[in-house]
C-alpha atoms as a PDB file:
ATOM      1  CA  MET A   1       1.191 -25.842 -41.338  1.00  0.00           C
ATOM      2  CA  LEU A   2       2.006 -24.754 -37.829  1.00  0.00           C
ATOM      3  CA  SER A   3       5.669 -24.189 -37.287  1.00  0.00           C
ATOM      4  CA  LYS A   4       6.200 -22.478 -33.960  1.00  0.00           C
ATOM      5  CA  SER A   5       4.551 -21.893 -30.608  1.00  0.00           C
ATOM      6  CA  ILE A   6       4.785 -18.498 -28.963  1.00  0.00           C
ATOM      7  CA  PRO A   7       4.179 -18.221 -25.220  1.00  0.00           C
ATOM      8  CA  THR A   8       1.594 -15.522 -24.603  1.00  0.00           C
ATOM      9  CA  LYS A   9       0.177 -14.083 -21.407  1.00  0.00           C
ATOM     10  CA  PHE A  10      -3.492 -13.141 -21.256  1.00  0.00           C
ATOM     11  CA  GLU A  11      -5.486 -11.293 -18.649  1.00  0.00           C
ATOM     12  CA  ALA A  12      -7.889 -13.451 -16.675  1.00  0.00           C
ATOM     13  CA  GLY A  13     -10.949 -11.822 -18.237  1.00  0.00           C
ATOM     14  CA  ASP A  14      -9.654 -12.518 -21.739  1.00  0.00           C
ATOM     15  CA  ILE A  15      -9.024 -16.155 -20.884  1.00  0.00           C
ATOM     16  CA  GLU A  16     -12.588 -16.460 -19.600  1.00  0.00           C
ATOM     17  CA  ARG A  17     -13.925 -14.908 -22.803  1.00  0.00           C
ATOM     18  CA  LEU A  18     -11.791 -17.212 -24.955  1.00  0.00           C
ATOM     19  CA  THR A  19     -12.928 -20.245 -22.971  1.00  0.00           C
ATOM     20  CA  TYR A  20     -16.575 -19.210 -23.349  1.00  0.00           C
ATOM     21  CA  LEU A  21     -16.222 -18.756 -27.114  1.00  0.00           C
ATOM     22  CA  SER A  22     -14.283 -21.998 -27.380  1.00  0.00           C
ATOM     23  CA  LYS A  23     -17.175 -23.900 -25.836  1.00  0.00           C
ATOM     24  CA  LEU A  24     -19.801 -21.942 -27.755  1.00  0.00           C
ATOM     25  CA  TYR A  25     -18.203 -22.636 -31.154  1.00  0.00           C
ATOM     26  CA  ASP A  26     -16.832 -26.060 -30.207  1.00  0.00           C
ATOM     27  CA  ARG A  27     -13.325 -24.996 -31.218  1.00  0.00           C
ATOM     28  CA  PRO A  28     -10.051 -25.097 -29.293  1.00  0.00           C
ATOM     29  CA  VAL A  29      -8.858 -21.846 -27.736  1.00  0.00           C
ATOM     30  CA  SER A  30      -5.711 -22.093 -29.873  1.00  0.00           C
ATOM     31  CA  TYR A  31      -7.888 -22.047 -33.018  1.00  0.00           C
ATOM     32  CA  LEU A  32      -9.657 -18.884 -31.868  1.00  0.00           C
ATOM     33  CA  ILE A  33      -6.334 -17.202 -31.129  1.00  0.00           C
ATOM     34  CA  ARG A  34      -4.927 -18.161 -34.558  1.00  0.00           C
ATOM     35  CA  GLU A  35      -8.053 -16.865 -36.315  1.00  0.00           C
ATOM     36  CA  ALA A  36      -7.995 -13.608 -34.347  1.00  0.00           C
ATOM     37  CA  THR A  37      -4.300 -13.167 -35.105  1.00  0.00           C
ATOM     38  CA  ARG A  38      -4.881 -13.758 -38.835  1.00  0.00           C
ATOM     39  CA  ALA A  39      -7.734 -11.254 -38.865  1.00  0.00           C
ATOM     40  CA  TYR A  40      -5.542  -8.684 -37.113  1.00  0.00           C
ATOM     41  CA  LEU A  41      -2.630  -9.254 -39.497  1.00  0.00           C
ATOM     42  CA  ASP A  42      -4.948  -8.993 -42.514  1.00  0.00           C
ATOM     43  CA  SER A  43      -6.468  -5.744 -41.245  1.00  0.00           C
ATOM     44  CA  GLN A  44      -3.015  -4.272 -40.597  1.00  0.00           C
ATOM     45  CA  ALA A  45      -1.864  -5.263 -44.098  1.00  0.00           C
ATOM     46  CA  LYS A  46      -4.906  -3.514 -45.591  1.00  0.00           C
ATOM     47  CA  LYS A  47      -4.251  -0.462 -43.435  1.00  0.00           C
ATOM     48  CA  LEU A  48      -0.627  -0.278 -44.584  1.00  0.00           C
ATOM     49  CA  GLU A  49      -1.681  -0.723 -48.218  1.00  0.00           C
ATOM     50  CA  PHE A  50      -4.201   2.108 -47.851  1.00  0.00           C
ATOM     51  CA  MET A  51      -1.559   4.349 -46.267  1.00  0.00           C
ATOM     52  CA  GLU A  52       0.889   3.608 -49.105  1.00  0.00           C
ATOM     53  CA  GLU A  53      -1.784   4.401 -51.703  1.00  0.00           C
ATOM     54  CA  ALA A  54      -2.647   7.636 -49.890  1.00  0.00           C
ATOM     55  CA  LYS A  55       1.017   8.662 -49.780  1.00  0.00           C
ATOM     56  CA  ALA A  56       1.404   7.886 -53.491  1.00  0.00           C
ATOM     57  CA  ALA A  57      -1.706   9.969 -54.235  1.00  0.00           C
ATOM     58  CA  ALA A  58      -0.373  12.874 -52.162  1.00  0.00           C
ATOM     59  CA  ASP A  59       2.999  12.635 -53.897  1.00  0.00           C
ATOM     60  CA  ASN A  60       1.245  12.629 -57.277  1.00  0.00           C
ATOM     61  CA  LEU A  61      -0.785  15.694 -56.294  1.00  0.00           C
ATOM     62  CA  ASN A  62       2.365  17.508 -55.189  1.00  0.00           C
ATOM     63  CA  GLN A  63       4.186  16.613 -58.417  1.00  0.00           C
ATOM     64  CA  THR A  64       1.410  17.245 -60.945  1.00  0.00           C
ATOM     65  CA  GLY A  65      -1.094  19.500 -59.208  1.00  0.00           C
ATOM     66  CA  LEU A  66      -3.892  17.396 -60.740  1.00  0.00           C
ATOM     67  CA  HIS A  67      -6.895  16.850 -58.483  1.00  0.00           C
ATOM     68  CA  CYS A  68     -10.689  16.495 -58.357  1.00  0.00           C
ATOM     69  CA  GLU A  69     -12.941  18.657 -56.236  1.00  0.00           C
ATOM     70  CA  HIS A  70     -14.802  16.906 -53.425  1.00  0.00           C
ATOM     71  CA  LYS A  71     -18.166  18.161 -54.653  1.00  0.00           C
ATOM     72  CA  ASP A  72     -17.529  16.708 -58.125  1.00  0.00           C
ATOM     73  CA  VAL A  73     -16.589  13.303 -56.716  1.00  0.00           C
ATOM     74  CA  ALA A  74     -19.565  13.372 -54.319  1.00  0.00           C
ATOM     75  CA  ASN A  75     -21.938  14.160 -57.205  1.00  0.00           C
ATOM     76  CA  TRP A  76     -20.427  11.356 -59.298  1.00  0.00           C
ATOM     77  CA  LEU A  77     -20.796   8.859 -56.455  1.00  0.00           C
ATOM     78  CA  GLN A  78     -24.400   9.943 -55.882  1.00  0.00           C
ATOM     79  CA  CYS A  79     -25.176   9.340 -59.562  1.00  0.00           C
ATOM     80  CA  LEU A  80     -23.640   5.850 -59.320  1.00  0.00           C
ATOM     81  CA  ALA A  81     -25.656   5.154 -56.164  1.00  0.00           C
ATOM     82  CA  ASN A  82     -28.804   6.147 -58.092  1.00  0.00           C
ATOM     83  CA  GLY A  83     -27.994   3.601 -60.803  1.00  0.00           C
ATOM     84  CA  GLN A  84     -26.780   6.086 -63.390  1.00  0.00           C
ATOM     85  CA  ILE A  85     -23.770   5.199 -65.520  1.00  0.00           C
ATOM     86  CA  VAL A  86     -21.653   8.344 -65.675  1.00  0.00           C
ATOM     87  CA  GLU A  87     -18.024   9.102 -66.338  1.00  0.00           C
ATOM     88  CA  PRO A  88     -15.870   9.979 -63.322  1.00  0.00           C
ATOM     89  CA  PRO A  89     -14.979  13.644 -62.911  1.00  0.00           C
ATOM     90  CA  LYS A  90     -11.924  14.889 -64.775  1.00  0.00           C
ATOM     91  CA  CYS A  91      -8.820  15.884 -62.872  1.00  0.00           C
ATOM     92  CA  HIS A  92      -7.641  19.468 -63.227  1.00  0.00           C
ATOM     93  CA  LYS A  93      -5.036  21.829 -61.835  1.00  0.00           C
END
């Protein structure tokens, strides 16, 4: 449900590109803008979630000292990529 319009200024080249895509996909320009905005908002939400998880992981490392070596994780991932079922590496101090 659409609830509000927001006036937005676009550069001439962007308007031309939107108009071209609008005709190509047989969709209104407003639809393309809404879809692009949703995609941007979704990507930013994922980015923020990743950053929060990374901060939590760093905090956990600082508190506990537990970690895995890069080479151990890389070897584990390579085994998984080769179809082997192996346990993940153990964390250590």
